[in-house]
Amino acid sequence: MESNELRRLVEANRDRIVAFCQRIVQMPSLTGEEGHLAEYVIEHMEALGYDEALIDSAGNVIGHVRGGSGRSTLLHAHLDVVDPGDPARWTDPPYSGALRDGWIWGRGAADDKGCVAAQVYAAGLLKEADLLPAGDVYVAAVVGEEVGGLGSRYLAGSFHPDLAIIGEPSSNTLRRGHRGRFEFLVSLRGRSAHASQPARAINPHYDLARFLLALKDLDMHAEAVTGGSTVAPTLLRSDQRSSNVIPGELTLHLDWRNAPGETLEEAMSKLQGLLDATLGGETTYSLSVRSEHVVSYTGYEQQVLQAVAPFWMETDDPLLITAEATLRQALGRPVVVDVWPFYTDGGFLYGAGVPCIGFGPGDPGMAHVFDERLSVGELLEAVVGYMALALHMGQAASE
């Protein structure tokens, strides 16, 4: 099918696509509360004529449109959103889904319901128009992305398509990878005492200060494309609540973004060396990766280790070259190839051996902010892009 025909097909269904996106923005879906939205997406897939549509044990929505004998393609996005915060700081109510000035407004519009809407309709319109993809096409709208990828961890354990297109906001440009993320906990233990008698204490604040000053100058893993690994101190907790008590223990959260090529063991070794070099003789420490018990709306539960792998594709990879050419033809414009500054669920699929490419509507700067919004033009263009990728990527060779 010619690219201009895809664009005409999407334009003919503009109202349906926009209304669907508005409606799913209007449905609150904080992590662990995606059930009503999942049921609505299933109903929409069935109405669009998907060959199969189901909700798996973790709560992920999985739709299937049968294609030819080529390689399978997964369109992947997530259902959950972060908390909107104080509603008074929004121009419209955070779940209004308002359509104004060419934008859909509301929490999740850019991150990530625009991608969900575009992917659901991309596969659905192909089915309605009797357009046969080169290989099977799957659409996964997953749960628990915002708390460490619960749904995608489950999916990656049982489902291995030949290619995954990760739907996160990229302003409809291609993404060939991103850094991973490790969340470390550093606990410094001294000895508590009354603040009026500091000599009786082993105050962990001083050792923490030395560690933080040294951390700022830590030699990090270099990588030119992503900017290399970085580490940022974020949360700090004390074992005391009274301001007239010297704490006995402080726990610091470190957000470590690991560039491709750096392992968890390497990052931990660097931190251990720095702690050994900066702490006083009486202060002890422990270093660990944060783990969190997460439960989905279906009751599926998992102890989630906050360690996410990067995903990466080289610039000369045939899949990336094919995706760029496909989108350039379908969208009628040049398509930039870049990397994401943040991590996505693509790391879990990539870690399970699935090649990943990123593409999605929405400004990445709109994620997690007040007055989040999505351009209607980008939404409709993304449907065209996903349709073209779904039609043709099954023909692409992996090597």
Protein backbone atom coordinates (compact mmCIF):
# COMPACT_ATOMS: atom_id res chain seq x y z
CA MET A 1 0.00 0.00 0.00
CA GLU A 2 1.37 3.43 -0.92
CA SER A 3 2.28 5.79 1.89
CA ASN A 4 -0.22 8.42 0.83
CA GLU A 5 -2.93 5.76 1.02
CA LEU A 6 -1.95 5.02 4.63
CA ARG A 7 -2.12 8.71 5.41
CA ARG A 8 -5.56 8.98 3.79
CA LEU A 9 -6.77 5.97 5.77
CA VAL A 10 -5.62 7.53 9.04
CA GLU A 11 -7.12 10.91 8.14
CA ALA A 12 -10.46 9.22 7.35
CA ASN A 13 -10.40 7.78 10.90
CA ARG A 14 -9.10 10.93 12.61
CA ASP A 15 -12.16 11.39 14.83
CA ARG A 16 -12.11 7.77 16.06
CA ILE A 17 -8.42 7.89 16.89
CA VAL A 18 -8.56 11.23 18.69
CA ALA A 19 -11.70 10.26 20.64
CA PHE A 20 -10.08 6.98 21.74
CA CYS A 21 -6.96 8.78 22.92
CA GLN A 22 -9.05 11.35 24.80
CA ARG A 23 -11.09 8.63 26.46
CA ILE A 24 -8.12 6.64 27.71
CA VAL A 25 -6.53 9.83 29.08
CA GLN A 26 -9.78 10.40 30.97
CA MET A 27 -9.43 6.99 32.65
CA PRO A 28 -7.09 7.23 35.68
CA SER A 29 -4.61 4.36 35.61
CA LEU A 30 -2.02 4.76 38.33
CA THR A 31 0.28 1.77 38.65
CA GLY A 32 -1.69 -1.13 40.14
CA GLU A 33 -5.00 0.47 39.09
CA GLU A 34 -4.97 -0.19 35.32
CA GLY A 35 -7.79 -2.77 35.29
CA HIS A 36 -10.66 -0.63 33.94
CA LEU A 37 -8.42 0.81 31.24
CA ALA A 38 -7.20 -2.66 30.26
CA GLU A 39 -10.78 -3.86 29.82
CA TYR A 40 -11.59 -0.81 27.69
CA VAL A 41 -8.57 -1.39 25.45
CA ILE A 42 -9.56 -5.06 25.02
CA GLU A 43 -13.08 -4.00 24.00
CA HIS A 44 -11.62 -1.60 21.46
CA MET A 45 -9.31 -4.24 19.99
CA GLU A 46 -12.26 -6.59 19.59
CA ALA A 47 -14.32 -3.87 17.92
CA LEU A 48 -11.47 -3.21 15.49
CA GLY A 49 -11.44 -6.90 14.51
CA TYR A 50 -8.20 -8.11 16.10
CA ASP A 51 -7.76 -11.84 15.58
CA GLU A 52 -7.06 -12.28 19.30
CA ALA A 53 -7.18 -10.01 22.34
CA LEU A 54 -6.53 -11.09 25.91
CA ILE A 55 -5.31 -9.99 29.31
CA ASP A 56 -2.44 -12.08 30.65
CA SER A 57 -1.79 -13.08 34.26
CA ALA A 58 0.16 -9.89 35.00
CA GLY A 59 -2.62 -7.67 33.61
CA ASN A 60 -1.00 -6.81 30.27
CA VAL A 61 -3.32 -6.37 27.28
CA ILE A 62 -2.10 -8.43 24.31
CA GLY A 63 -3.65 -8.05 20.87
CA HIS A 64 -2.76 -10.13 17.81
CA VAL A 65 -3.30 -9.43 14.12
CA ARG A 66 -2.26 -12.34 11.92
CA GLY A 67 0.14 -11.62 9.10
CA GLY A 68 2.13 -13.49 6.48
CA SER A 69 5.01 -15.89 7.00
CA GLY A 70 7.56 -13.19 7.83
CA ARG A 71 9.09 -12.18 11.14
CA SER A 72 6.83 -11.09 14.01
CA THR A 73 6.65 -7.49 15.21
CA LEU A 74 5.56 -6.31 18.66
CA LEU A 75 4.19 -2.80 19.18
CA HIS A 76 4.75 -2.07 22.87
CA ALA A 77 3.50 0.73 25.16
CA HIS A 78 2.33 1.03 28.76
CA LEU A 79 -1.01 1.69 30.44
CA ASP A 80 0.05 3.13 33.79
CA VAL A 81 0.72 6.78 34.58
CA VAL A 82 2.36 8.68 37.40
CA ASP A 83 0.36 10.64 39.96
CA PRO A 84 -0.81 14.00 38.57
CA GLY A 85 0.03 15.89 41.76
CA ASP A 86 -1.90 18.98 42.85
CA PRO A 87 -4.90 19.41 40.46
CA ALA A 88 -4.83 23.17 41.13
CA ARG A 89 -1.55 23.38 39.18
CA TRP A 90 -3.22 22.09 36.00
CA THR A 91 -4.92 24.41 33.50
CA ASP A 92 -7.57 21.72 32.99
CA PRO A 93 -8.31 18.87 35.41
CA PRO A 94 -5.52 16.30 35.04
CA TYR A 95 -7.83 13.62 33.64
CA SER A 96 -9.89 15.94 31.44
CA GLY A 97 -8.59 14.65 28.11
CA ALA A 98 -9.47 18.11 26.81
CA LEU A 99 -9.01 18.79 23.10
CA ARG A 100 -7.79 22.35 22.63
CA ASP A 101 -5.50 24.21 20.24
CA GLY A 102 -4.53 21.01 18.46
CA TRP A 103 -3.50 19.22 21.67
CA ILE A 104 -4.94 16.50 23.90
CA TRP A 105 -4.38 17.57 27.51
CA GLY A 106 -4.07 15.39 30.59
CA ARG A 107 -1.93 13.04 32.64
CA GLY A 108 -0.59 10.29 30.43
CA ALA A 109 -1.34 12.03 27.13
CA ALA A 110 2.34 11.93 26.15
CA ASP A 111 3.53 9.24 28.60
CA ASP A 112 2.21 6.91 27.39
CA LYS A 113 -1.38 6.85 26.22
CA GLY A 114 -0.67 8.54 22.91
CA CYS A 115 1.52 5.56 22.06
CA VAL A 116 -1.15 3.12 23.25
CA ALA A 117 -3.83 4.82 21.11
CA ALA A 118 -1.60 5.00 18.02
CA GLN A 119 -0.53 1.36 18.28
CA VAL A 120 -4.02 -0.01 18.95
CA TYR A 121 -5.37 1.83 15.92
CA ALA A 122 -2.38 1.07 13.69
CA ALA A 123 -2.93 -2.68 13.91
CA GLY A 124 -6.72 -2.26 13.98
CA LEU A 125 -6.90 -0.17 10.81
CA LEU A 126 -4.70 -2.67 8.99
CA LYS A 127 -7.18 -5.37 9.97
CA GLU A 128 -10.22 -3.31 8.99
CA ALA A 129 -8.68 -2.49 5.61
CA ASP A 130 -7.67 -6.13 4.94
CA LEU A 131 -4.02 -5.15 4.68
CA LEU A 132 -1.82 -8.16 5.41
CA PRO A 133 1.39 -7.46 7.37
CA ALA A 134 4.52 -9.34 6.32
CA GLY A 135 4.48 -11.22 9.62
CA ASP A 136 2.30 -11.47 12.72
CA VAL A 137 1.75 -8.19 14.57
CA TYR A 138 1.24 -8.02 18.31
CA VAL A 139 0.21 -5.01 20.38
CA ALA A 140 1.12 -5.08 24.07
CA ALA A 141 -0.26 -2.43 26.43
CA VAL A 142 1.58 -3.36 29.61
CA VAL A 143 1.21 -2.59 33.30
CA GLY A 144 3.65 -1.48 35.96
CA GLU A 145 6.13 0.37 33.77
CA GLU A 146 6.42 3.25 36.22
CA VAL A 147 7.55 1.00 39.10
CA GLY A 148 10.27 -0.98 37.39
CA GLY A 149 8.58 -2.77 34.50
CA LEU A 150 6.45 -5.39 36.25
CA GLY A 151 4.37 -6.18 33.17
CA SER A 152 7.28 -6.21 30.74
CA ARG A 153 9.37 -8.40 33.02
CA TYR A 154 6.52 -10.92 32.94
CA LEU A 155 6.09 -10.54 29.17
CA ALA A 156 9.80 -10.94 28.45
CA GLY A 157 9.82 -14.22 30.35
CA SER A 158 7.32 -15.89 28.05
CA PHE A 159 7.06 -14.00 24.75
CA HIS A 160 9.90 -13.41 22.28
CA PRO A 161 8.86 -11.65 19.06
CA ASP A 162 11.41 -11.08 16.32
CA LEU A 163 11.35 -7.29 16.83
CA ALA A 164 9.84 -4.89 19.37
CA ILE A 165 8.91 -1.29 18.59
CA ILE A 166 8.98 0.47 21.97
CA GLY A 167 6.34 3.18 22.15
CA GLU A 168 7.53 6.04 24.33
CA PRO A 169 7.48 9.75 23.47
CA SER A 170 10.14 10.55 20.87
CA SER A 171 8.38 13.23 18.79
CA ASN A 172 8.04 10.57 16.09
CA THR A 173 11.77 10.14 15.66
CA LEU A 174 13.57 6.81 15.91
CA ARG A 175 15.44 5.74 19.03
CA ARG A 176 18.15 3.09 18.80
CA GLY A 177 18.73 2.68 22.50
CA HIS A 178 19.14 4.14 25.94
CA ARG A 179 21.14 3.71 29.11
CA GLY A 180 20.01 1.37 31.86
CA ARG A 181 19.38 2.24 35.49
CA PHE A 182 20.57 0.86 38.82
CA GLU A 183 19.10 2.19 42.05
CA PHE A 184 21.62 1.68 44.85
CA LEU A 185 21.06 1.99 48.58
CA VAL A 186 24.03 3.10 50.65
CA SER A 187 23.52 2.77 54.42
CA LEU A 188 26.07 4.38 56.74
CA ARG A 189 26.00 3.24 60.35
CA GLY A 190 27.59 5.16 63.22
CA ARG A 191 26.43 5.57 66.81
CA SER A 192 23.47 7.63 67.96
CA ALA A 193 23.66 10.16 70.81
CA HIS A 194 21.89 13.18 72.25
CA ALA A 195 22.72 16.24 70.16
CA SER A 196 23.95 18.03 73.27
CA GLN A 197 26.77 15.47 73.59
CA PRO A 198 28.19 15.03 70.07
CA ALA A 199 31.45 13.55 71.35
CA ARG A 200 29.54 10.42 72.40
CA ALA A 201 28.30 9.84 68.86
CA ILE A 202 29.77 8.48 65.68
CA ASN A 203 27.94 10.91 63.42
CA PRO A 204 27.42 9.40 59.94
CA HIS A 205 26.71 12.83 58.43
CA TYR A 206 30.42 13.65 58.24
CA ASP A 207 31.32 10.45 56.44
CA LEU A 208 28.34 10.93 54.15
CA ALA A 209 29.60 14.42 53.28
CA ARG A 210 33.06 13.08 52.41
CA PHE A 211 31.53 10.32 50.31
CA LEU A 212 29.25 12.71 48.41
CA LEU A 213 32.07 15.14 47.63
CA ALA A 214 34.18 12.27 46.30
CA LEU A 215 31.22 10.81 44.37
CA LYS A 216 30.92 14.03 42.39
CA ASP A 217 34.39 13.38 40.92
CA LEU A 218 34.07 9.61 40.48
CA ASP A 219 35.58 8.35 37.23
CA MET A 220 32.54 7.15 35.27
CA HIS A 221 32.21 4.80 32.31
CA ALA A 222 32.56 6.87 29.12
CA GLU A 223 30.42 6.40 26.02
CA ALA A 224 30.13 9.13 23.38
CA VAL A 225 26.59 8.61 22.05
CA THR A 226 24.69 8.40 25.35
CA GLY A 227 27.00 10.74 27.24
CA GLY A 228 28.31 7.89 29.38
CA SER A 229 27.25 6.67 32.79
CA THR A 230 26.10 9.12 35.46
CA VAL A 231 25.23 8.89 39.14
CA ALA A 232 22.98 11.22 41.12
CA PRO A 233 22.22 11.18 44.87
CA THR A 234 18.45 11.50 45.31
CA LEU A 235 16.64 10.51 48.52
CA LEU A 236 18.18 10.55 52.00
CA ARG A 237 16.59 8.87 55.01
CA SER A 238 17.53 8.92 58.68
CA ASP A 239 16.70 6.45 61.42
CA GLN A 240 15.67 9.41 63.58
CA ARG A 241 12.70 11.77 63.52
CA SER A 242 13.82 14.08 66.32
CA SER A 243 16.03 17.03 65.46
CA ASN A 244 17.83 16.87 68.82
CA VAL A 245 19.17 13.34 68.21
CA ILE A 246 22.29 12.48 66.21
CA PRO A 247 21.23 9.58 63.94
CA GLY A 248 22.88 6.22 64.09
CA GLU A 249 22.13 5.36 60.47
CA LEU A 250 21.62 7.24 57.20
CA THR A 251 20.40 5.64 53.98
CA LEU A 252 21.12 7.30 50.65
CA HIS A 253 19.52 6.46 47.30
CA LEU A 254 21.79 6.67 44.27
CA ASP A 255 20.36 6.80 40.74
CA TRP A 256 23.03 5.29 38.49
CA ARG A 257 22.42 5.43 34.73
CA ASN A 258 24.66 2.86 33.11
CA ALA A 259 25.83 3.31 29.55
CA PRO A 260 25.99 0.27 27.27
CA GLY A 261 29.00 -1.80 28.18
CA GLU A 262 28.90 -1.18 31.93
CA THR A 263 27.65 -3.98 34.17
CA LEU A 264 25.98 -3.91 37.56
CA GLU A 265 29.03 -5.57 39.10
CA GLU A 266 31.34 -2.89 37.72
CA ALA A 267 29.18 -0.07 39.08
CA MET A 268 28.97 -1.68 42.52
CA SER A 269 32.73 -2.22 42.60
CA LYS A 270 33.32 1.49 41.95
CA LEU A 271 30.99 2.48 44.78
CA GLN A 272 32.51 -0.01 47.19
CA GLY A 273 35.98 1.34 46.44
CA LEU A 274 34.83 4.90 47.01
CA LEU A 275 33.13 4.00 50.30
CA ASP A 276 36.23 2.20 51.54
CA ALA A 277 38.36 5.22 50.67
CA THR A 278 36.18 7.93 52.22
CA LEU A 279 34.60 6.50 55.37
CA GLY A 280 36.14 6.91 58.79
CA GLY A 281 37.33 3.86 60.68
CA GLU A 282 34.32 3.68 63.03
CA THR A 283 31.56 4.04 60.43
CA THR A 284 30.35 0.89 58.68
CA TYR A 285 28.34 0.66 55.50
CA SER A 286 26.19 -1.63 53.40
CA LEU A 287 25.61 -1.33 49.67
CA SER A 288 22.71 -2.96 47.84
CA VAL A 289 20.39 -2.66 44.87
CA ARG A 290 16.92 -1.54 45.92
CA SER A 291 14.24 -4.21 45.68
CA GLU A 292 10.50 -3.56 45.77
CA HIS A 293 7.53 -5.89 46.16
CA VAL A 294 5.05 -4.98 43.41
CA VAL A 295 1.51 -6.31 42.90
CA SER A 296 -0.53 -5.80 39.73
CA TYR A 297 -4.27 -5.23 39.62
CA THR A 298 -4.73 -8.94 38.77
CA GLY A 299 -2.90 -10.01 41.92
CA TYR A 300 0.27 -11.04 40.12
CA GLU A 301 3.22 -10.15 42.34
CA GLN A 302 6.95 -10.02 42.00
CA GLN A 303 9.96 -8.81 43.94
CA VAL A 304 11.32 -6.27 41.49
CA LEU A 305 15.04 -5.55 41.56
CA GLN A 306 15.59 -1.96 40.47
CA ALA A 307 18.21 -2.80 37.87
CA VAL A 308 17.23 -2.18 34.25
CA ALA A 309 19.48 -3.08 31.34
CA PRO A 310 20.13 -0.73 28.42
CA PHE A 311 18.91 -1.61 24.97
CA TRP A 312 21.14 -0.86 22.05
CA MET A 313 21.19 -1.10 18.26
CA GLU A 314 24.16 -0.10 16.13
CA THR A 315 23.65 2.49 13.37
CA ASP A 316 24.42 -0.09 10.67
CA ASP A 317 21.96 -2.68 11.96
CA PRO A 318 19.73 -3.82 9.05
CA LEU A 319 16.60 -3.58 11.24
CA LEU A 320 17.32 0.06 12.11
CA ILE A 321 18.14 0.92 8.51
CA THR A 322 14.90 -0.70 7.34
CA ALA A 323 12.86 1.06 10.02
CA GLU A 324 14.32 4.46 9.10
CA ALA A 325 13.64 3.93 5.39
CA THR A 326 10.12 2.66 6.11
CA LEU A 327 9.24 5.66 8.25
CA ARG A 328 10.87 8.15 5.87
CA GLN A 329 8.72 6.87 3.03
CA ALA A 330 5.55 6.57 5.10
CA LEU A 331 5.82 9.99 6.74
CA GLY A 332 7.21 11.79 3.71
CA ARG A 333 10.04 13.46 5.61
CA PRO A 334 13.50 12.74 7.01
CA VAL A 335 13.47 10.71 10.26
CA VAL A 336 16.10 11.47 12.87
CA VAL A 337 17.77 8.52 14.62
CA ASP A 338 18.81 9.26 18.21
CA VAL A 339 18.93 7.75 21.72
CA TRP A 340 16.62 8.31 24.69
CA PRO A 341 18.01 10.03 27.81
CA PHE A 342 15.71 7.92 30.01
CA TYR A 343 15.22 4.16 30.20
CA THR A 344 12.21 2.19 28.98
CA ASP A 345 10.80 -1.30 29.26
CA GLY A 346 12.79 -2.09 26.13
CA GLY A 347 15.64 -3.10 28.43
CA PHE A 348 13.71 -6.16 29.63
CA LEU A 349 12.84 -7.36 26.13
CA TYR A 350 16.36 -6.65 24.89
CA GLY A 351 17.76 -8.57 27.83
CA ALA A 352 15.62 -11.53 26.76
CA GLY A 353 17.12 -11.43 23.27
CA VAL A 354 14.52 -9.31 21.45
CA PRO A 355 15.90 -6.55 19.16
CA CYS A 356 14.28 -3.21 20.06
CA ILE A 357 13.71 0.09 18.30
CA GLY A 358 11.97 3.12 19.81
CA PHE A 359 9.32 5.29 18.14
CA GLY A 360 6.36 7.22 19.51
CA PRO A 361 4.36 10.45 19.46
CA GLY A 362 4.80 13.10 22.12
CA ASP A 363 7.48 15.45 23.36
CA PRO A 364 9.72 13.58 25.83
CA GLY A 365 9.79 16.77 27.90
CA MET A 366 6.05 16.41 28.55
CA ALA A 367 6.48 13.24 30.62
CA HIS A 368 5.57 13.60 34.31
CA VAL A 369 4.91 17.36 34.19
CA PHE A 370 1.91 19.57 34.96
CA ASP A 371 -0.21 20.38 31.89
CA GLU A 372 1.04 17.29 30.07
CA ARG A 373 -0.26 17.28 26.51
CA LEU A 374 0.05 15.55 23.14
CA SER A 375 -0.08 17.06 19.65
CA VAL A 376 -2.97 15.63 17.63
CA GLY A 377 -0.82 15.94 14.51
CA GLU A 378 1.89 13.77 16.08
CA LEU A 379 -0.69 11.24 17.24
CA LEU A 380 -2.09 10.80 13.73
CA GLU A 381 1.38 10.73 12.16
CA ALA A 382 2.40 8.04 14.65
CA VAL A 383 -0.51 5.84 13.54
CA VAL A 384 0.79 6.09 9.96
CA GLY A 385 4.30 5.25 11.18
CA TYR A 386 3.23 2.26 13.23
CA MET A 387 1.09 0.95 10.35
CA ALA A 388 4.04 1.13 7.98
CA LEU A 389 6.37 -0.58 10.47
CA ALA A 390 3.77 -3.28 11.17
CA LEU A 391 3.29 -3.89 7.43
CA HIS A 392 6.94 -4.05 6.41
CA MET A 393 9.30 -4.86 9.30
CA GLY A 394 8.42 -8.55 9.08
CA GLN A 395 10.26 -8.58 5.75
CA ALA A 396 13.50 -7.28 7.27
CA ALA A 397 16.40 -9.63 7.74
CA SER A 398 18.04 -9.77 11.15
CA GLU A 399 21.52 -9.87 9.70
